[in-house]
Amino acid sequence: MSLLTNNIIPGEHGKIFGTNANEETELIEIKNKLLNLDGITEIEINTTIFPKEFTVFTSKVISIEEIEKAVKSIGFHAIPKEII
């Protein structure tokens, strides 16, 4: 494992996660939960594909595990996409 596979690094690309949330209200709930975490600056939600995805942008290094735990605490999953 490396810095890039275990963390979200600040920058313009962010980190993409897949989720089992389907409804718009569920996705907004995930967005609001994540925006409350220190260092997260923006969440973009992609509803045009299945499964739904969201991209997390940060102002500091944040562990992927922290994102997964926050989303799991509200009953959904966040699965990071691999680096291309």
N, C-alpha and C. Protein backbone atom coordinates (compact mmCIF):
# COMPACT_ATOMS: atom_id res chain seq x y z
N MET A 1 0.84 -1.18 0.00
CA MET A 1 0.00 0.00 0.00
C MET A 1 0.88 1.25 0.00
N SER A 2 0.33 2.30 -0.56
CA SER A 2 1.11 3.53 -0.65
C SER A 2 0.26 4.72 -0.20
N LEU A 3 0.90 5.86 -0.20
CA LEU A 3 0.22 7.09 0.17
C LEU A 3 -1.01 7.32 -0.70
N LEU A 4 -0.90 7.05 -2.01
CA LEU A 4 -2.01 7.30 -2.93
C LEU A 4 -3.14 6.29 -2.80
N THR A 5 -2.85 5.07 -2.40
CA THR A 5 -3.91 4.07 -2.31
C THR A 5 -4.64 4.11 -0.97
N ASN A 6 -4.02 4.68 0.05
CA ASN A 6 -4.63 4.71 1.38
C ASN A 6 -5.21 6.07 1.75
N ASN A 7 -4.97 7.09 0.94
CA ASN A 7 -5.35 8.47 1.30
C ASN A 7 -5.89 9.23 0.11
N ILE A 8 -6.59 10.31 0.43
CA ILE A 8 -7.00 11.27 -0.59
C ILE A 8 -6.05 12.44 -0.48
N ILE A 9 -5.43 12.78 -1.59
CA ILE A 9 -4.43 13.84 -1.64
C ILE A 9 -5.10 15.11 -2.17
N PRO A 10 -4.82 16.27 -1.57
CA PRO A 10 -5.41 17.51 -2.09
C PRO A 10 -5.03 17.72 -3.56
N GLY A 11 -5.97 18.27 -4.31
CA GLY A 11 -5.72 18.53 -5.72
C GLY A 11 -7.01 18.62 -6.49
N GLU A 12 -6.87 18.79 -7.78
CA GLU A 12 -8.04 19.02 -8.62
C GLU A 12 -8.73 17.73 -9.08
N HIS A 13 -8.12 16.56 -8.82
CA HIS A 13 -8.69 15.31 -9.29
C HIS A 13 -9.57 14.61 -8.26
N GLY A 14 -9.27 14.76 -7.00
CA GLY A 14 -10.06 14.13 -5.95
C GLY A 14 -9.97 12.62 -6.00
N LYS A 15 -10.85 11.95 -5.27
CA LYS A 15 -10.90 10.49 -5.23
C LYS A 15 -12.33 10.06 -5.45
N ILE A 16 -12.53 9.10 -6.35
CA ILE A 16 -13.87 8.62 -6.70
C ILE A 16 -14.22 7.39 -5.87
N PHE A 17 -15.45 7.38 -5.35
CA PHE A 17 -15.98 6.26 -4.59
C PHE A 17 -17.29 5.80 -5.21
N GLY A 18 -17.50 4.50 -5.24
CA GLY A 18 -18.80 3.95 -5.61
C GLY A 18 -19.61 3.79 -4.33
N THR A 19 -20.94 3.80 -4.46
CA THR A 19 -21.79 3.65 -3.28
C THR A 19 -23.05 2.86 -3.62
N ASN A 20 -23.62 2.24 -2.61
CA ASN A 20 -24.88 1.53 -2.78
C ASN A 20 -26.09 2.43 -2.57
N ALA A 21 -25.88 3.69 -2.27
CA ALA A 21 -26.99 4.65 -2.16
C ALA A 21 -27.53 4.92 -3.56
N ASN A 22 -28.84 4.97 -3.70
CA ASN A 22 -29.44 5.17 -5.02
C ASN A 22 -30.30 6.42 -5.11
N GLU A 23 -31.03 6.71 -4.05
CA GLU A 23 -31.95 7.85 -4.06
C GLU A 23 -31.18 9.16 -3.89
N GLU A 24 -31.71 10.23 -4.45
CA GLU A 24 -31.07 11.54 -4.34
C GLU A 24 -30.93 11.96 -2.88
N THR A 25 -31.93 11.67 -2.07
CA THR A 25 -31.85 12.04 -0.65
C THR A 25 -30.73 11.29 0.08
N GLU A 26 -30.51 10.04 -0.31
CA GLU A 26 -29.42 9.26 0.29
C GLU A 26 -28.06 9.84 -0.09
N LEU A 27 -27.93 10.22 -1.34
CA LEU A 27 -26.67 10.79 -1.82
C LEU A 27 -26.40 12.15 -1.18
N ILE A 28 -27.44 12.93 -0.97
CA ILE A 28 -27.28 14.22 -0.30
C ILE A 28 -26.90 14.00 1.17
N GLU A 29 -27.45 12.96 1.78
CA GLU A 29 -27.10 12.64 3.17
C GLU A 29 -25.61 12.28 3.27
N ILE A 30 -25.10 11.51 2.31
CA ILE A 30 -23.67 11.18 2.27
C ILE A 30 -22.84 12.45 2.09
N LYS A 31 -23.26 13.29 1.16
CA LYS A 31 -22.54 14.54 0.89
C LYS A 31 -22.46 15.40 2.15
N ASN A 32 -23.58 15.58 2.82
CA ASN A 32 -23.61 16.41 4.04
C ASN A 32 -22.75 15.82 5.15
N LYS A 33 -22.77 14.50 5.30
CA LYS A 33 -21.96 13.84 6.32
C LYS A 33 -20.47 14.06 6.05
N LEU A 34 -20.06 13.91 4.81
CA LEU A 34 -18.65 14.06 4.46
C LEU A 34 -18.18 15.51 4.54
N LEU A 35 -19.04 16.45 4.18
CA LEU A 35 -18.65 17.86 4.25
C LEU A 35 -18.42 18.33 5.69
N ASN A 36 -18.93 17.58 6.66
CA ASN A 36 -18.69 17.90 8.06
C ASN A 36 -17.32 17.46 8.55
N LEU A 37 -16.63 16.62 7.76
CA LEU A 37 -15.29 16.17 8.15
C LEU A 37 -14.27 17.27 7.86
N ASP A 38 -13.33 17.43 8.77
CA ASP A 38 -12.28 18.45 8.61
C ASP A 38 -11.40 18.12 7.41
N GLY A 39 -11.24 19.10 6.52
CA GLY A 39 -10.37 18.95 5.36
C GLY A 39 -11.08 18.64 4.06
N ILE A 40 -12.35 18.28 4.12
CA ILE A 40 -13.09 18.00 2.88
C ILE A 40 -13.70 19.30 2.40
N THR A 41 -13.38 19.65 1.16
CA THR A 41 -13.80 20.93 0.61
C THR A 41 -14.99 20.84 -0.34
N GLU A 42 -15.12 19.69 -1.03
CA GLU A 42 -16.19 19.57 -2.02
C GLU A 42 -16.50 18.10 -2.27
N ILE A 43 -17.78 17.83 -2.57
CA ILE A 43 -18.24 16.49 -2.95
C ILE A 43 -19.03 16.65 -4.25
N GLU A 44 -18.64 15.92 -5.29
CA GLU A 44 -19.40 15.91 -6.54
C GLU A 44 -20.08 14.55 -6.66
N ILE A 45 -21.37 14.54 -6.98
CA ILE A 45 -22.13 13.31 -7.10
C ILE A 45 -22.43 13.05 -8.57
N ASN A 46 -22.16 11.81 -9.01
CA ASN A 46 -22.46 11.41 -10.39
C ASN A 46 -23.63 10.44 -10.35
N THR A 47 -24.80 10.91 -10.79
CA THR A 47 -26.01 10.08 -10.76
C THR A 47 -26.34 9.49 -12.13
N THR A 48 -25.50 9.74 -13.13
CA THR A 48 -25.79 9.26 -14.48
C THR A 48 -25.35 7.83 -14.72
N ILE A 49 -24.65 7.22 -13.76
CA ILE A 49 -24.17 5.86 -13.92
C ILE A 49 -24.68 4.99 -12.77
N PHE A 50 -24.53 3.67 -12.94
CA PHE A 50 -24.87 2.74 -11.87
C PHE A 50 -23.69 1.81 -11.68
N PRO A 51 -23.23 1.59 -10.48
CA PRO A 51 -23.70 2.23 -9.25
C PRO A 51 -23.30 3.69 -9.19
N LYS A 52 -24.01 4.44 -8.37
CA LYS A 52 -23.74 5.87 -8.21
C LYS A 52 -22.34 6.09 -7.68
N GLU A 53 -21.77 7.23 -8.02
CA GLU A 53 -20.42 7.57 -7.57
C GLU A 53 -20.39 8.97 -7.00
N PHE A 54 -19.44 9.20 -6.12
CA PHE A 54 -19.17 10.55 -5.65
C PHE A 54 -17.67 10.75 -5.60
N THR A 55 -17.25 11.99 -5.84
CA THR A 55 -15.84 12.34 -5.82
C THR A 55 -15.59 13.28 -4.65
N VAL A 56 -14.55 12.97 -3.88
CA VAL A 56 -14.21 13.75 -2.69
C VAL A 56 -12.96 14.58 -2.98
N PHE A 57 -13.05 15.87 -2.73
CA PHE A 57 -11.92 16.79 -2.88
C PHE A 57 -11.54 17.30 -1.49
N THR A 58 -10.24 17.40 -1.24
CA THR A 58 -9.78 17.77 0.09
C THR A 58 -8.77 18.91 0.06
N SER A 59 -8.59 19.52 1.23
CA SER A 59 -7.58 20.55 1.39
C SER A 59 -6.37 20.03 2.15
N LYS A 60 -6.46 18.77 2.61
CA LYS A 60 -5.34 18.12 3.30
C LYS A 60 -5.46 16.62 3.07
N VAL A 61 -4.43 15.88 3.43
CA VAL A 61 -4.45 14.43 3.27
C VAL A 61 -5.45 13.82 4.26
N ILE A 62 -6.37 13.02 3.73
CA ILE A 62 -7.40 12.36 4.54
C ILE A 62 -7.40 10.88 4.16
N SER A 63 -7.46 10.01 5.16
CA SER A 63 -7.43 8.58 4.88
C SER A 63 -8.75 8.11 4.26
N ILE A 64 -8.64 7.16 3.37
CA ILE A 64 -9.81 6.56 2.75
C ILE A 64 -10.66 5.87 3.81
N GLU A 65 -10.00 5.29 4.80
CA GLU A 65 -10.72 4.62 5.89
C GLU A 65 -11.65 5.58 6.62
N GLU A 66 -11.23 6.83 6.79
CA GLU A 66 -12.06 7.84 7.46
C GLU A 66 -13.34 8.10 6.65
N ILE A 67 -13.21 8.16 5.33
CA ILE A 67 -14.37 8.36 4.45
C ILE A 67 -15.30 7.15 4.55
N GLU A 68 -14.73 5.95 4.47
CA GLU A 68 -15.52 4.73 4.54
C GLU A 68 -16.30 4.64 5.85
N LYS A 69 -15.66 4.97 6.96
CA LYS A 69 -16.32 4.92 8.27
C LYS A 69 -17.45 5.93 8.37
N ALA A 70 -17.24 7.14 7.86
CA ALA A 70 -18.27 8.18 7.92
C ALA A 70 -19.51 7.77 7.12
N VAL A 71 -19.31 7.23 5.93
CA VAL A 71 -20.43 6.81 5.10
C VAL A 71 -21.12 5.59 5.70
N LYS A 72 -20.35 4.66 6.23
CA LYS A 72 -20.92 3.47 6.85
C LYS A 72 -21.76 3.82 8.08
N SER A 73 -21.38 4.90 8.78
CA SER A 73 -22.12 5.30 9.99
C SER A 73 -23.56 5.73 9.69
N ILE A 74 -23.84 6.06 8.43
CA ILE A 74 -25.22 6.43 8.07
C ILE A 74 -25.90 5.34 7.24
N GLY A 75 -25.26 4.15 7.17
CA GLY A 75 -25.91 2.99 6.58
C GLY A 75 -25.59 2.69 5.13
N PHE A 76 -24.57 3.28 4.58
CA PHE A 76 -24.21 3.04 3.18
C PHE A 76 -22.75 2.62 3.08
N HIS A 77 -22.33 2.27 1.88
CA HIS A 77 -20.96 1.88 1.64
C HIS A 77 -20.28 2.89 0.73
N ALA A 78 -18.98 3.06 0.92
CA ALA A 78 -18.14 3.89 0.04
C ALA A 78 -16.97 3.02 -0.38
N ILE A 79 -16.90 2.69 -1.66
CA ILE A 79 -15.85 1.82 -2.16
C ILE A 79 -14.97 2.62 -3.11
N PRO A 80 -13.69 2.81 -2.72
CA PRO A 80 -12.81 3.62 -3.56
C PRO A 80 -12.52 2.95 -4.89
N LYS A 81 -12.48 3.76 -5.95
CA LYS A 81 -12.11 3.29 -7.28
C LYS A 81 -10.59 3.24 -7.35
N GLU A 82 -10.08 2.34 -8.14
CA GLU A 82 -8.63 2.20 -8.29
C GLU A 82 -8.04 3.38 -9.05
N ILE A 83 -6.75 3.66 -8.76
CA ILE A 83 -6.03 4.69 -9.48
C ILE A 83 -5.69 4.16 -10.87
N ILE A 84 -5.95 4.96 -11.88
CA ILE A 84 -5.69 4.54 -13.27
C ILE A 84 -4.26 4.85 -13.64
